[in-house]
Amino acid sequence: MAETEKKKAKKPSFLKGVKTEYKKITWPDKGSLTRQTTAVVVITALLSVLIALIDMVVKYGVEFLTNLQL
């Protein structure tokens, strides 16, 4: 049985692939970056306050239930 040899395509190096993909990145402008950062900080602050409030309500609710006299 005669098998035909297949020529293997040369693989590009990993670093060349990384360099090619890196050139495709579009970086945000300064104004867009500032708006997005501000939005993340504000949302994080609001969620932390909300979680703290829920935590306090649950804490006092559990304390109230455990202190009930039967």
C-alpha atoms as a PDB file:
ATOM      1  CA  MET A   1       0.000   0.000   0.000  1.00  0.00           C
ATOM      2  CA  ALA A   2       1.400   3.251  -1.023  1.00  0.00           C
ATOM      3  CA  GLU A   3       0.499   6.226   1.072  1.00  0.00           C
ATOM      4  CA  THR A   4       0.876   9.694  -0.231  1.00  0.00           C
ATOM      5  CA  GLU A   5       2.807  12.012   1.940  1.00  0.00           C
ATOM      6  CA  LYS A   6       0.964  15.092   2.987  1.00  0.00           C
ATOM      7  CA  LYS A   7       2.886  18.258   3.299  1.00  0.00           C
ATOM      8  CA  LYS A   8       2.196  19.916   6.581  1.00  0.00           C
ATOM      9  CA  ALA A   9       1.461  23.604   6.499  1.00  0.00           C
ATOM     10  CA  LYS A  10       3.977  25.525   8.533  1.00  0.00           C
ATOM     11  CA  LYS A  11       2.417  26.709  11.782  1.00  0.00           C
ATOM     12  CA  PRO A  12       2.918  30.356  12.598  1.00  0.00           C
ATOM     13  CA  SER A  13       4.719  30.911  15.862  1.00  0.00           C
ATOM     14  CA  PHE A  14       2.662  31.661  18.950  1.00  0.00           C
ATOM     15  CA  LEU A  15       4.222  35.070  19.451  1.00  0.00           C
ATOM     16  CA  LYS A  16       3.483  36.104  15.865  1.00  0.00           C
ATOM     17  CA  GLY A  17      -0.143  35.159  16.427  1.00  0.00           C
ATOM     18  CA  VAL A  18      -0.256  37.175  19.632  1.00  0.00           C
ATOM     19  CA  LYS A  19       1.286  40.172  17.868  1.00  0.00           C
ATOM     20  CA  THR A  20      -1.265  39.925  15.052  1.00  0.00           C
ATOM     21  CA  GLU A  21      -4.188  39.736  17.476  1.00  0.00           C
ATOM     22  CA  TYR A  22      -2.766  42.578  19.585  1.00  0.00           C
ATOM     23  CA  LYS A  23      -2.847  44.858  16.539  1.00  0.00           C
ATOM     24  CA  LYS A  24      -6.601  44.208  16.185  1.00  0.00           C
ATOM     25  CA  ILE A  25      -7.402  45.653  19.624  1.00  0.00           C
ATOM     26  CA  THR A  26      -9.223  48.976  19.630  1.00  0.00           C
ATOM     27  CA  TRP A  27      -8.500  50.928  22.771  1.00  0.00           C
ATOM     28  CA  PRO A  28     -11.140  53.334  24.165  1.00  0.00           C
ATOM     29  CA  ASP A  29     -10.525  57.060  24.099  1.00  0.00           C
ATOM     30  CA  LYS A  30      -9.941  58.983  27.329  1.00  0.00           C
ATOM     31  CA  GLY A  31     -13.507  60.300  27.619  1.00  0.00           C
ATOM     32  CA  SER A  32     -15.071  56.888  27.132  1.00  0.00           C
ATOM     33  CA  LEU A  33     -12.680  55.337  29.630  1.00  0.00           C
ATOM     34  CA  THR A  34     -13.523  58.018  32.209  1.00  0.00           C
ATOM     35  CA  ARG A  35     -17.290  57.515  31.775  1.00  0.00           C
ATOM     36  CA  GLN A  36     -17.040  53.741  32.029  1.00  0.00           C
ATOM     37  CA  THR A  37     -14.786  53.904  35.101  1.00  0.00           C
ATOM     38  CA  THR A  38     -17.147  56.353  36.789  1.00  0.00           C
ATOM     39  CA  ALA A  39     -20.115  54.095  36.046  1.00  0.00           C
ATOM     40  CA  VAL A  40     -18.332  51.079  37.539  1.00  0.00           C
ATOM     41  CA  VAL A  41     -17.373  52.980  40.713  1.00  0.00           C
ATOM     42  CA  VAL A  42     -20.889  54.406  41.205  1.00  0.00           C
ATOM     43  CA  ILE A  43     -22.633  51.059  40.638  1.00  0.00           C
ATOM     44  CA  THR A  44     -20.178  49.319  42.967  1.00  0.00           C
ATOM     45  CA  ALA A  45     -20.835  51.897  45.708  1.00  0.00           C
ATOM     46  CA  LEU A  46     -24.614  51.606  45.307  1.00  0.00           C
ATOM     47  CA  LEU A  47     -24.546  47.811  45.404  1.00  0.00           C
ATOM     48  CA  SER A  48     -22.315  47.796  48.473  1.00  0.00           C
ATOM     49  CA  VAL A  49     -24.774  50.077  50.303  1.00  0.00           C
ATOM     50  CA  LEU A  50     -27.684  47.873  49.228  1.00  0.00           C
ATOM     51  CA  ILE A  51     -25.937  44.715  50.418  1.00  0.00           C
ATOM     52  CA  ALA A  52     -25.046  46.376  53.741  1.00  0.00           C
ATOM     53  CA  LEU A  53     -28.707  47.364  54.258  1.00  0.00           C
ATOM     54  CA  ILE A  54     -29.939  43.854  53.467  1.00  0.00           C
ATOM     55  CA  ASP A  55     -27.311  42.453  55.852  1.00  0.00           C
ATOM     56  CA  MET A  56     -28.468  44.729  58.687  1.00  0.00           C
ATOM     57  CA  VAL A  57     -32.142  43.864  58.134  1.00  0.00           C
ATOM     58  CA  VAL A  58     -31.393  40.131  58.156  1.00  0.00           C
ATOM     59  CA  LYS A  59     -29.153  40.500  61.221  1.00  0.00           C
ATOM     60  CA  TYR A  60     -31.798  42.335  63.241  1.00  0.00           C
ATOM     61  CA  GLY A  61     -34.485  39.957  61.994  1.00  0.00           C
ATOM     62  CA  VAL A  62     -32.530  36.913  63.166  1.00  0.00           C
ATOM     63  CA  GLU A  63     -31.767  38.589  66.522  1.00  0.00           C
ATOM     64  CA  PHE A  64     -35.456  39.411  66.943  1.00  0.00           C
ATOM     65  CA  LEU A  65     -36.512  35.841  66.194  1.00  0.00           C
ATOM     66  CA  THR A  66     -33.902  34.315  68.509  1.00  0.00           C
ATOM     67  CA  ASN A  67     -34.895  36.596  71.405  1.00  0.00           C
ATOM     68  CA  LEU A  68     -38.605  35.718  71.288  1.00  0.00           C
ATOM     69  CA  GLN A  69     -39.896  34.141  74.464  1.00  0.00           C
ATOM     70  CA  LEU A  70     -42.077  31.128  73.949  1.00  0.00           C
END
